[in-house]
Amino acid sequence: MDILTVNLFPLISQLLMLSDETVQQEGVKALVTVAKADLMHAESMQFLMANVLSILYKKSKEVENAKVGALLLLEAFVREEIFGKDKCEEFIRDKLDSFLAQKLYKIKRPLLQCLVTISKHLDRDPG
């Protein structure tokens, strides 16, 4: 478990922040594989993955590739049902505006894919 928390997660966090999208996709696949391997309790895994996502959100203000990494990670983990409604609502409520504000071309496709995936977990009634 220490190998995961001390070595793997920081390394993949850096990879998701600094690499191009194809490398980021491989990093996300690796995280999904680890999450599904039942190496630790589901709650602990969700907590660690939420920390990785939080790091990407923070860095996305400065590092353009961190936005793409965050979107890829959120979309994959919602699709695999590792993250649920709470992470989807948090993204829509707290993060979406900052992702839309810069209108970066490179995040349009990952943003649309992410929105389609998380929309399945959001309430239909806005009130």
N, C-alpha and C. Protein backbone atom coordinates (compact mmCIF):
# COMPACT_ATOMS: atom_id res chain seq x y z
N MET A 1 0.82 -1.18 0.00
CA MET A 1 0.00 0.00 0.00
C MET A 1 0.87 1.25 0.00
N ASP A 2 1.98 1.25 0.72
CA ASP A 2 2.87 2.41 0.72
C ASP A 2 3.43 2.69 -0.67
N ILE A 3 3.67 1.64 -1.43
CA ILE A 3 4.16 1.83 -2.80
C ILE A 3 3.16 2.64 -3.60
N LEU A 4 1.88 2.35 -3.40
CA LEU A 4 0.84 3.09 -4.12
C LEU A 4 0.79 4.55 -3.68
N THR A 5 0.71 4.76 -2.37
CA THR A 5 0.48 6.12 -1.88
C THR A 5 1.73 7.00 -1.96
N VAL A 6 2.89 6.42 -1.78
CA VAL A 6 4.12 7.21 -1.76
C VAL A 6 4.75 7.33 -3.15
N ASN A 7 4.65 6.28 -3.95
CA ASN A 7 5.34 6.28 -5.24
C ASN A 7 4.41 6.42 -6.45
N LEU A 8 3.41 5.58 -6.54
CA LEU A 8 2.60 5.53 -7.75
C LEU A 8 1.72 6.76 -7.93
N PHE A 9 0.96 7.14 -6.92
CA PHE A 9 0.02 8.25 -7.08
C PHE A 9 0.71 9.58 -7.36
N PRO A 10 1.78 9.92 -6.66
CA PRO A 10 2.47 11.17 -7.01
C PRO A 10 3.05 11.14 -8.43
N LEU A 11 3.57 10.00 -8.84
CA LEU A 11 4.13 9.88 -10.18
C LEU A 11 3.05 10.06 -11.25
N ILE A 12 1.92 9.39 -11.07
CA ILE A 12 0.85 9.51 -12.05
C ILE A 12 0.22 10.90 -12.00
N SER A 13 0.17 11.52 -10.83
CA SER A 13 -0.32 12.91 -10.75
C SER A 13 0.55 13.82 -11.60
N GLN A 14 1.86 13.67 -11.50
CA GLN A 14 2.77 14.47 -12.32
C GLN A 14 2.58 14.16 -13.80
N LEU A 15 2.43 12.90 -14.12
CA LEU A 15 2.21 12.49 -15.50
C LEU A 15 0.94 13.12 -16.05
N LEU A 16 -0.12 13.16 -15.26
CA LEU A 16 -1.39 13.74 -15.70
C LEU A 16 -1.32 15.26 -15.83
N MET A 17 -0.39 15.89 -15.13
CA MET A 17 -0.25 17.34 -15.21
C MET A 17 0.61 17.79 -16.37
N LEU A 18 1.63 17.02 -16.69
CA LEU A 18 2.67 17.52 -17.58
C LEU A 18 2.72 16.87 -18.96
N SER A 19 2.03 15.79 -19.15
CA SER A 19 2.13 15.04 -20.40
C SER A 19 1.05 15.43 -21.39
N ASP A 20 1.22 14.93 -22.62
CA ASP A 20 0.17 15.16 -23.62
C ASP A 20 -0.96 14.16 -23.38
N GLU A 21 -2.05 14.33 -24.11
CA GLU A 21 -3.27 13.57 -23.83
C GLU A 21 -3.12 12.06 -23.97
N THR A 22 -2.36 11.59 -24.94
CA THR A 22 -2.21 10.14 -25.11
C THR A 22 -1.52 9.52 -23.91
N VAL A 23 -0.52 10.19 -23.38
CA VAL A 23 0.17 9.69 -22.18
C VAL A 23 -0.76 9.80 -20.97
N GLN A 24 -1.52 10.87 -20.90
CA GLN A 24 -2.48 11.05 -19.80
C GLN A 24 -3.50 9.92 -19.80
N GLN A 25 -3.97 9.53 -20.98
CA GLN A 25 -4.94 8.44 -21.07
C GLN A 25 -4.36 7.14 -20.51
N GLU A 26 -3.09 6.89 -20.79
CA GLU A 26 -2.44 5.69 -20.24
C GLU A 26 -2.34 5.77 -18.72
N GLY A 27 -2.05 6.95 -18.20
CA GLY A 27 -1.99 7.14 -16.75
C GLY A 27 -3.35 6.90 -16.10
N VAL A 28 -4.39 7.38 -16.73
CA VAL A 28 -5.75 7.17 -16.21
C VAL A 28 -6.09 5.68 -16.25
N LYS A 29 -5.75 5.02 -17.33
CA LYS A 29 -5.99 3.56 -17.41
C LYS A 29 -5.27 2.83 -16.29
N ALA A 30 -4.05 3.24 -15.99
CA ALA A 30 -3.29 2.62 -14.90
C ALA A 30 -3.99 2.84 -13.56
N LEU A 31 -4.48 4.03 -13.33
CA LEU A 31 -5.19 4.31 -12.08
C LEU A 31 -6.48 3.51 -11.97
N VAL A 32 -7.20 3.38 -13.07
CA VAL A 32 -8.44 2.57 -13.07
C VAL A 32 -8.10 1.12 -12.77
N THR A 33 -7.03 0.61 -13.37
CA THR A 33 -6.61 -0.76 -13.13
C THR A 33 -6.27 -0.98 -11.67
N VAL A 34 -5.53 -0.06 -11.08
CA VAL A 34 -5.18 -0.16 -9.66
C VAL A 34 -6.44 -0.09 -8.80
N ALA A 35 -7.34 0.82 -9.14
CA ALA A 35 -8.57 0.98 -8.35
C ALA A 35 -9.43 -0.28 -8.38
N LYS A 36 -9.46 -0.94 -9.52
CA LYS A 36 -10.30 -2.14 -9.66
C LYS A 36 -9.61 -3.41 -9.15
N ALA A 37 -8.36 -3.32 -8.80
CA ALA A 37 -7.60 -4.50 -8.37
C ALA A 37 -7.86 -4.89 -6.92
N ASP A 38 -8.67 -4.12 -6.22
CA ASP A 38 -8.98 -4.41 -4.81
C ASP A 38 -7.74 -4.54 -3.95
N LEU A 39 -6.79 -3.63 -4.15
CA LEU A 39 -5.58 -3.64 -3.35
C LEU A 39 -5.79 -2.97 -1.99
N MET A 40 -6.86 -2.20 -1.88
CA MET A 40 -7.21 -1.56 -0.62
C MET A 40 -8.72 -1.37 -0.58
N HIS A 41 -9.22 -0.97 0.57
CA HIS A 41 -10.67 -0.75 0.71
C HIS A 41 -11.15 0.29 -0.29
N ALA A 42 -12.36 0.12 -0.76
CA ALA A 42 -12.93 1.03 -1.76
C ALA A 42 -12.93 2.47 -1.27
N GLU A 43 -13.23 2.69 0.00
CA GLU A 43 -13.25 4.05 0.53
C GLU A 43 -11.87 4.69 0.50
N SER A 44 -10.85 3.91 0.84
CA SER A 44 -9.48 4.42 0.81
C SER A 44 -9.06 4.74 -0.62
N MET A 45 -9.42 3.88 -1.55
CA MET A 45 -9.08 4.11 -2.95
C MET A 45 -9.78 5.36 -3.46
N GLN A 46 -11.06 5.51 -3.14
CA GLN A 46 -11.79 6.71 -3.57
C GLN A 46 -11.17 7.96 -2.99
N PHE A 47 -10.76 7.90 -1.74
CA PHE A 47 -10.13 9.04 -1.08
C PHE A 47 -8.83 9.41 -1.79
N LEU A 48 -7.99 8.43 -2.08
CA LEU A 48 -6.72 8.70 -2.76
C LEU A 48 -6.94 9.24 -4.17
N MET A 49 -7.88 8.67 -4.89
CA MET A 49 -8.16 9.14 -6.24
C MET A 49 -8.75 10.55 -6.21
N ALA A 50 -9.58 10.82 -5.21
CA ALA A 50 -10.12 12.18 -5.06
C ALA A 50 -9.00 13.17 -4.78
N ASN A 51 -7.98 12.75 -4.04
CA ASN A 51 -6.82 13.61 -3.80
C ASN A 51 -6.06 13.90 -5.08
N VAL A 52 -5.88 12.88 -5.92
CA VAL A 52 -5.22 13.09 -7.20
C VAL A 52 -6.03 14.09 -8.03
N LEU A 53 -7.34 13.92 -8.06
CA LEU A 53 -8.21 14.83 -8.81
C LEU A 53 -8.13 16.25 -8.25
N SER A 54 -8.09 16.37 -6.94
CA SER A 54 -7.97 17.68 -6.29
C SER A 54 -6.66 18.37 -6.67
N ILE A 55 -5.59 17.62 -6.71
CA ILE A 55 -4.29 18.17 -7.11
C ILE A 55 -4.36 18.68 -8.54
N LEU A 56 -5.00 17.91 -9.41
CA LEU A 56 -5.13 18.34 -10.81
C LEU A 56 -5.99 19.59 -10.92
N TYR A 57 -7.06 19.67 -10.15
CA TYR A 57 -7.89 20.87 -10.16
C TYR A 57 -7.07 22.10 -9.75
N LYS A 58 -6.28 21.95 -8.70
CA LYS A 58 -5.48 23.08 -8.23
C LYS A 58 -4.45 23.50 -9.28
N LYS A 59 -3.79 22.55 -9.88
CA LYS A 59 -2.76 22.84 -10.87
C LYS A 59 -3.34 23.32 -12.20
N SER A 60 -4.63 23.05 -12.44
CA SER A 60 -5.23 23.42 -13.71
C SER A 60 -5.30 24.93 -13.91
N LYS A 61 -5.17 25.68 -12.84
CA LYS A 61 -5.14 27.14 -12.95
C LYS A 61 -3.84 27.62 -13.60
N GLU A 62 -2.77 26.83 -13.43
CA GLU A 62 -1.45 27.21 -13.93
C GLU A 62 -0.99 26.37 -15.11
N VAL A 63 -1.35 25.10 -15.10
CA VAL A 63 -0.84 24.15 -16.08
C VAL A 63 -2.00 23.66 -16.96
N GLU A 64 -1.93 24.03 -18.21
CA GLU A 64 -3.00 23.71 -19.16
C GLU A 64 -3.29 22.21 -19.24
N ASN A 65 -2.26 21.38 -19.27
CA ASN A 65 -2.46 19.93 -19.38
C ASN A 65 -3.13 19.34 -18.14
N ALA A 66 -3.05 20.02 -17.01
CA ALA A 66 -3.72 19.52 -15.81
C ALA A 66 -5.23 19.55 -15.98
N LYS A 67 -5.76 20.49 -16.75
CA LYS A 67 -7.19 20.53 -17.04
C LYS A 67 -7.62 19.26 -17.79
N VAL A 68 -6.86 18.93 -18.82
CA VAL A 68 -7.18 17.74 -19.60
C VAL A 68 -7.06 16.50 -18.73
N GLY A 69 -6.00 16.41 -17.93
CA GLY A 69 -5.82 15.27 -17.03
C GLY A 69 -6.97 15.13 -16.05
N ALA A 70 -7.42 16.24 -15.49
CA ALA A 70 -8.54 16.21 -14.54
C ALA A 70 -9.81 15.71 -15.23
N LEU A 71 -10.06 16.20 -16.43
CA LEU A 71 -11.25 15.77 -17.16
C LEU A 71 -11.20 14.29 -17.51
N LEU A 72 -10.05 13.82 -17.96
CA LEU A 72 -9.90 12.40 -18.30
C LEU A 72 -10.08 11.53 -17.07
N LEU A 73 -9.49 11.95 -15.96
CA LEU A 73 -9.60 11.18 -14.72
C LEU A 73 -11.03 11.15 -14.22
N LEU A 74 -11.68 12.30 -14.16
CA LEU A 74 -13.06 12.36 -13.67
C LEU A 74 -13.97 11.52 -14.55
N GLU A 75 -13.85 11.67 -15.86
CA GLU A 75 -14.71 10.92 -16.78
C GLU A 75 -14.52 9.42 -16.63
N ALA A 76 -13.28 8.96 -16.56
CA ALA A 76 -13.01 7.52 -16.44
C ALA A 76 -13.51 6.96 -15.12
N PHE A 77 -13.31 7.71 -14.04
CA PHE A 77 -13.70 7.20 -12.73
C PHE A 77 -15.20 7.25 -12.51
N VAL A 78 -15.89 8.16 -13.16
CA VAL A 78 -17.36 8.16 -13.11
C VAL A 78 -17.88 7.01 -13.97
N ARG A 79 -17.31 6.84 -15.16
CA ARG A 79 -17.73 5.76 -16.05
C ARG A 79 -17.55 4.40 -15.38
N GLU A 80 -16.47 4.23 -14.64
CA GLU A 80 -16.19 2.96 -13.95
C GLU A 80 -16.89 2.86 -12.59
N GLU A 81 -17.66 3.87 -12.26
CA GLU A 81 -18.43 3.94 -11.01
C GLU A 81 -17.55 3.91 -9.76
N ILE A 82 -16.36 4.47 -9.88
CA ILE A 82 -15.49 4.65 -8.73
C ILE A 82 -15.86 5.96 -8.05
N PHE A 83 -16.17 6.97 -8.85
CA PHE A 83 -16.73 8.22 -8.35
C PHE A 83 -18.22 8.21 -8.65
N GLY A 84 -18.97 8.83 -7.74
CA GLY A 84 -20.42 8.87 -7.91
C GLY A 84 -20.95 10.27 -8.08
N LYS A 85 -22.19 10.40 -7.72
CA LYS A 85 -22.93 11.65 -7.91
C LYS A 85 -22.26 12.84 -7.22
N ASP A 86 -21.67 12.61 -6.06
CA ASP A 86 -21.05 13.72 -5.32
C ASP A 86 -19.92 14.38 -6.09
N LYS A 87 -19.07 13.60 -6.73
CA LYS A 87 -17.97 14.16 -7.53
C LYS A 87 -18.48 14.86 -8.78
N CYS A 88 -19.55 14.32 -9.36
CA CYS A 88 -20.15 14.95 -10.53
C CYS A 88 -20.73 16.31 -10.17
N GLU A 89 -21.49 16.36 -9.08
CA GLU A 89 -22.08 17.62 -8.65
C GLU A 89 -21.01 18.63 -8.24
N GLU A 90 -19.96 18.16 -7.59
CA GLU A 90 -18.86 19.05 -7.21
C GLU A 90 -18.23 19.69 -8.44
N PHE A 91 -18.02 18.89 -9.48
CA PHE A 91 -17.42 19.43 -10.70
C PHE A 91 -18.33 20.49 -11.32
N ILE A 92 -19.60 20.18 -11.46
CA ILE A 92 -20.54 21.13 -12.07
C ILE A 92 -20.65 22.40 -11.23
N ARG A 93 -20.75 22.24 -9.94
CA ARG A 93 -20.94 23.38 -9.03
C ARG A 93 -19.68 24.24 -8.89
N ASP A 94 -18.51 23.60 -8.72
CA ASP A 94 -17.31 24.33 -8.33
C ASP A 94 -16.25 24.49 -9.42
N LYS A 95 -16.23 23.64 -10.41
CA LYS A 95 -15.11 23.62 -11.35
C LYS A 95 -15.47 23.96 -12.79
N LEU A 96 -16.67 23.67 -13.21
CA LEU A 96 -17.03 23.81 -14.62
C LEU A 96 -16.78 25.21 -15.16
N ASP A 97 -17.14 26.23 -14.41
CA ASP A 97 -16.95 27.61 -14.90
C ASP A 97 -15.49 27.91 -15.24
N SER A 98 -14.56 27.43 -14.42
CA SER A 98 -13.15 27.70 -14.71
C SER A 98 -12.69 26.93 -15.95
N PHE A 99 -13.28 25.77 -16.21
CA PHE A 99 -12.91 24.99 -17.39
C PHE A 99 -13.49 25.64 -18.65
N LEU A 100 -14.63 26.28 -18.53
CA LEU A 100 -15.25 26.95 -19.67
C LEU A 100 -14.66 28.33 -19.94
N ALA A 101 -14.15 28.96 -18.91
CA ALA A 101 -13.70 30.36 -19.01
C ALA A 101 -12.57 30.54 -20.02
N GLN A 102 -11.63 29.63 -20.05
CA GLN A 102 -10.47 29.81 -20.92
C GLN A 102 -10.72 29.40 -22.37
N LYS A 103 -11.73 28.59 -22.60
CA LYS A 103 -12.10 28.16 -23.95
C LYS A 103 -10.91 27.60 -24.74
N LEU A 104 -10.14 26.79 -24.10
CA LEU A 104 -8.99 26.18 -24.76
C LEU A 104 -9.44 25.09 -25.72
N TYR A 105 -8.90 25.10 -26.90
CA TYR A 105 -9.27 24.12 -27.91
C TYR A 105 -8.97 22.70 -27.44
N LYS A 106 -7.84 22.51 -26.80
CA LYS A 106 -7.41 21.15 -26.44
C LYS A 106 -8.29 20.51 -25.37
N ILE A 107 -9.12 21.29 -24.66
CA ILE A 107 -9.97 20.66 -23.65
C ILE A 107 -11.40 20.44 -24.13
N LYS A 108 -11.75 20.89 -25.32
CA LYS A 108 -13.14 20.77 -25.78
C LYS A 108 -13.62 19.33 -25.85
N ARG A 109 -12.87 18.45 -26.50
CA ARG A 109 -13.30 17.05 -26.62
C ARG A 109 -13.34 16.36 -25.27
N PRO A 110 -12.27 16.44 -24.45
CA PRO A 110 -12.34 15.79 -23.14
C PRO A 110 -13.46 16.38 -22.26
N LEU A 111 -13.70 17.68 -22.38
CA LEU A 111 -14.76 18.31 -21.60
C LEU A 111 -16.13 17.78 -22.02
N LEU A 112 -16.36 17.70 -23.31
CA LEU A 112 -17.65 17.18 -23.78
C LEU A 112 -17.86 15.73 -23.37
N GLN A 113 -16.82 14.91 -23.50
CA GLN A 113 -16.93 13.50 -23.09
C GLN A 113 -17.22 13.40 -21.60
N CYS A 114 -16.53 14.22 -20.82
CA CYS A 114 -16.73 14.21 -19.37
C CYS A 114 -18.15 14.64 -19.02
N LEU A 115 -18.63 15.69 -19.65
CA LEU A 115 -19.98 16.18 -19.36
C LEU A 115 -21.05 15.15 -19.72
N VAL A 116 -20.88 14.47 -20.84
CA VAL A 116 -21.83 13.43 -21.22
C VAL A 116 -21.84 12.32 -20.18
N THR A 117 -20.67 11.90 -19.75
CA THR A 117 -20.58 10.80 -18.78
C THR A 117 -21.16 11.20 -17.43
N ILE A 118 -20.80 12.37 -16.93
CA ILE A 118 -21.27 12.75 -15.59
C ILE A 118 -22.74 13.16 -15.60
N SER A 119 -23.27 13.54 -16.76
CA SER A 119 -24.67 13.96 -16.82
C SER A 119 -25.61 12.84 -16.39
N LYS A 120 -25.19 11.62 -16.55
CA LYS A 120 -26.01 10.47 -16.16
C LYS A 120 -26.19 10.39 -14.65
N HIS A 121 -25.32 11.07 -13.90
CA HIS A 121 -25.36 11.02 -12.45
C HIS A 121 -25.97 12.27 -11.82
N LEU A 122 -26.39 13.20 -12.64
CA LEU A 122 -26.93 14.45 -12.13
C LEU A 122 -28.45 14.41 -12.13
N ASP A 123 -29.06 15.18 -11.22
CA ASP A 123 -30.51 15.26 -11.16
C ASP A 123 -31.05 15.93 -12.41
N ARG A 124 -32.15 15.44 -12.87
CA ARG A 124 -32.80 16.03 -14.06
C ARG A 124 -33.49 17.35 -13.72
N ASP A 125 -33.96 17.46 -12.49
CA ASP A 125 -34.69 18.65 -12.04
C ASP A 125 -33.70 19.62 -11.40
N PRO A 126 -33.48 20.79 -12.01
CA PRO A 126 -32.50 21.74 -11.45
C PRO A 126 -32.93 22.36 -10.13
N GLY A 127 -34.18 22.25 -9.77
CA GLY A 127 -34.68 22.87 -8.54
C GLY A 127 -34.62 21.98 -7.41
